[in-house]
């Protein structure tokens, strides 16, 4: 049984996907490509582009490792990286140089595959955080959509005042 587990670990770590993730983590975090693109490409678009590389980590966790909690923990790290990069006034860009989410994702994958109890506990904690975060984000999105709807109604009402209401207020007797 132990020998089969060892072979499974070796198979995972020798896969082309695993080596691609290693290269992504190296380029993005050690050579700061993630932070540089986030700094150069404005309005958070660079952070979102770099986050797309994390899809390989999520795919690997779901397809190869077969772990939803690990995938959620990776998504958690990625969302934190995006959130850090979005902090205004270049503060987020500076912090992005320090936050190495791809390296953290590799550590989570390695620890999870190796059966490290601390890593598994960390993965489970981050998975729960991710589920809570997803629920909170859904609520925020619903509230934001409601706010956009109410804002559109307010703007339509204000424009309606300018088109008819204000003209009548300021010139009610000019029709004579």
Protein backbone atom coordinates (compact mmCIF):
# COMPACT_ATOMS: atom_id res chain seq x y z
CA UNK A 1 0.00 0.00 0.00
CA UNK A 2 2.79 2.41 0.93
CA UNK A 3 4.64 1.55 -2.26
CA UNK A 4 1.53 2.36 -4.35
CA UNK A 5 1.23 5.75 -2.64
CA UNK A 6 4.87 6.48 -3.36
CA UNK A 7 4.38 5.57 -7.02
CA UNK A 8 1.30 7.79 -7.21
CA UNK A 9 3.28 10.71 -5.73
CA UNK A 10 6.08 10.12 -8.21
CA UNK A 11 3.62 9.96 -11.09
CA UNK A 12 2.10 13.29 -10.02
CA UNK A 13 5.46 14.99 -9.56
CA UNK A 14 6.78 13.66 -12.88
CA UNK A 15 3.77 14.82 -14.90
CA UNK A 16 4.16 17.59 -17.45
CA UNK A 17 1.48 19.61 -15.63
CA UNK A 18 3.49 19.52 -12.43
CA UNK A 19 6.63 20.73 -14.18
CA UNK A 20 4.65 23.47 -15.94
CA UNK A 21 3.39 24.63 -12.52
CA UNK A 22 6.95 24.62 -11.21
CA UNK A 23 8.05 26.82 -14.11
CA UNK A 24 5.09 29.17 -13.63
CA UNK A 25 5.85 29.51 -9.92
CA UNK A 26 9.51 30.20 -10.66
CA UNK A 27 8.87 32.79 -13.36
CA UNK A 28 5.95 34.49 -11.66
CA UNK A 29 7.37 34.71 -8.15
CA UNK A 30 11.16 34.39 -8.25
CA UNK A 31 11.54 36.67 -11.29
CA UNK A 32 8.58 38.86 -10.21
CA UNK A 33 6.74 38.59 -13.53
CA UNK A 34 3.42 38.55 -11.65
CA UNK A 35 4.22 41.78 -9.80
CA UNK A 36 5.75 43.53 -12.83
CA UNK A 37 2.75 42.82 -15.08
CA UNK A 38 0.42 43.91 -12.26
CA UNK A 39 2.38 47.15 -11.99
CA UNK A 40 2.65 47.87 -15.73
CA UNK A 41 -0.86 46.88 -16.88
CA UNK A 42 -3.30 49.25 -15.14
CA UNK A 43 -6.67 48.95 -13.41
CA UNK A 44 -6.15 45.43 -12.09
CA UNK A 45 -6.16 43.94 -15.58
CA UNK A 46 -2.54 42.78 -15.16
CA UNK A 47 -3.43 41.06 -11.89
CA UNK A 48 -6.35 39.29 -13.56
CA UNK A 49 -4.19 38.20 -16.49
CA UNK A 50 -1.57 36.76 -14.12
CA UNK A 51 -4.30 35.05 -12.09
CA UNK A 52 -5.24 33.07 -15.20
CA UNK A 53 -2.00 31.12 -14.78
CA UNK A 54 -3.39 29.80 -11.50
CA UNK A 55 -6.02 27.89 -13.46
CA UNK A 56 -3.37 25.24 -14.14
CA UNK A 57 -2.89 24.81 -10.38
CA UNK A 58 -6.67 24.51 -9.85
CA UNK A 59 -6.98 22.04 -12.73
CA UNK A 60 -4.10 19.95 -11.35
CA UNK A 61 -5.71 19.88 -7.88
CA UNK A 62 -9.07 18.77 -9.28
CA UNK A 63 -7.99 16.38 -12.06
CA UNK A 64 -4.71 14.88 -10.86
CA UNK A 65 -4.86 15.16 -7.07
CA UNK A 66 -8.68 14.89 -7.00
CA UNK A 67 -9.09 17.32 -4.14
CA UNK A 68 -11.75 20.03 -4.09
CA UNK A 69 -10.40 21.47 -0.79
CA UNK A 70 -6.95 21.83 -2.38
CA UNK A 71 -8.48 23.56 -5.41
CA UNK A 72 -10.41 25.92 -3.10
CA UNK A 73 -7.22 26.70 -1.14
CA UNK A 74 -5.45 27.55 -4.42
CA UNK A 75 -8.37 29.76 -5.46
CA UNK A 76 -8.16 31.42 -2.02
CA UNK A 77 -4.45 32.23 -2.56
CA UNK A 78 -5.13 33.51 -6.06
CA UNK A 79 -8.00 35.77 -4.95
CA UNK A 80 -5.82 37.17 -2.16
CA UNK A 81 -3.11 37.91 -4.71
CA UNK A 82 -5.61 39.75 -6.91
CA UNK A 83 -7.00 41.68 -3.93
CA UNK A 84 -3.49 42.70 -2.82
CA UNK A 85 -2.65 43.89 -6.33
CA UNK A 86 -5.82 46.02 -6.43
CA UNK A 87 -4.90 48.11 -3.38
CA UNK A 88 -4.63 51.67 -4.78
CA UNK A 89 -1.76 54.16 -4.94
CA UNK A 90 0.86 51.58 -5.96
CA UNK A 91 0.74 50.12 -2.42
CA UNK A 92 -0.80 46.92 -3.80
CA UNK A 93 1.80 46.73 -6.53
CA UNK A 94 4.60 46.98 -3.97
CA UNK A 95 2.95 44.36 -1.74
CA UNK A 96 2.50 42.12 -4.79
CA UNK A 97 6.30 41.86 -5.02
CA UNK A 98 6.27 40.31 -1.53
CA UNK A 99 3.22 38.04 -1.88
CA UNK A 100 4.19 34.92 -3.78
CA UNK A 101 0.92 33.09 -4.38
CA UNK A 102 2.25 30.69 -7.02
CA UNK A 103 5.03 29.53 -4.69
CA UNK A 104 2.44 29.14 -1.92
CA UNK A 105 0.27 27.09 -4.27
CA UNK A 106 3.19 24.79 -5.07
CA UNK A 107 3.88 24.35 -1.35
CA UNK A 108 0.22 23.47 -0.78
CA UNK A 109 0.24 20.93 -3.63
CA UNK A 110 3.52 19.33 -2.50
CA UNK A 111 2.48 19.18 1.15
CA UNK A 112 -0.94 17.81 0.28
CA UNK A 113 0.44 15.14 -2.05
CA UNK A 114 3.11 14.20 0.53
CA UNK A 115 0.43 13.91 3.24
CA UNK A 116 1.89 16.64 5.48
CA UNK A 117 -0.63 17.09 8.32
CA UNK A 118 0.07 20.82 8.78
CA UNK A 119 -0.42 21.47 5.05
CA UNK A 120 -3.60 19.40 4.95
CA UNK A 121 -4.93 21.39 7.93
CA UNK A 122 -3.97 24.64 6.15
CA UNK A 123 -5.68 23.45 2.94
CA UNK A 124 -8.87 22.59 4.83
CA UNK A 125 -8.84 25.96 6.64
CA UNK A 126 -8.36 27.85 3.38
CA UNK A 127 -11.07 25.77 1.70
CA UNK A 128 -13.57 26.79 4.38
CA UNK A 129 -12.43 30.42 4.01
CA UNK A 130 -12.97 30.14 0.26
CA UNK A 131 -16.51 28.84 0.64
CA UNK A 132 -17.33 31.66 3.08
CA UNK A 133 -15.66 34.17 0.74
CA UNK A 134 -17.64 32.90 -2.24
CA UNK A 135 -20.92 33.27 -0.32
CA UNK A 136 -19.96 36.79 0.81
CA UNK A 137 -18.95 37.75 -2.74
CA UNK A 138 -22.25 36.47 -4.12
CA UNK A 139 -24.11 38.60 -1.56
CA UNK A 140 -21.95 41.63 -2.43
CA UNK A 141 -22.55 41.09 -6.16
CA UNK A 142 -26.31 40.89 -5.61
CA UNK A 143 -26.20 44.08 -3.53
CA UNK A 144 -24.03 45.83 -6.13
CA UNK A 145 -26.44 44.84 -8.89
CA UNK A 146 -29.29 46.25 -6.80
CA UNK A 147 -27.28 49.45 -6.28
CA UNK A 148 -26.60 49.74 -10.02
CA UNK A 149 -30.34 49.30 -10.71
CA UNK A 150 -31.29 51.95 -8.13
CA UNK A 151 -28.59 54.31 -9.44
CA UNK A 152 -29.92 53.92 -12.98
CA UNK A 153 -33.42 54.71 -11.76
CA UNK A 154 -32.12 57.77 -9.88
CA UNK A 155 -30.26 59.03 -12.95
CA UNK A 156 -33.36 58.52 -15.10
CA UNK A 157 -35.42 60.45 -12.57
CA UNK A 158 -32.88 63.31 -12.46
CA UNK A 159 -32.70 63.46 -16.26
CA UNK A 160 -36.49 63.49 -16.31
CA UNK A 161 -36.45 66.57 -14.09
CA UNK A 162 -34.15 68.36 -16.51
CA UNK A 163 -36.15 67.46 -19.57
CA UNK A 164 -39.57 68.59 -18.31
CA UNK A 165 -39.79 69.36 -14.63
CA UNK A 166 -37.11 72.03 -14.24
CA UNK A 167 -38.23 73.89 -17.35
CA UNK A 168 -41.72 74.19 -15.90
CA UNK A 169 -40.35 75.23 -12.51
CA UNK A 170 -38.31 78.12 -13.88
CA UNK A 171 -40.59 79.23 -16.70
CA UNK A 172 -44.17 78.37 -15.75
CA UNK A 173 -45.82 81.48 -17.28
CA UNK A 174 -43.76 82.03 -20.43
CA UNK A 175 -46.33 80.27 -22.49
CA UNK A 176 -48.43 83.49 -22.65
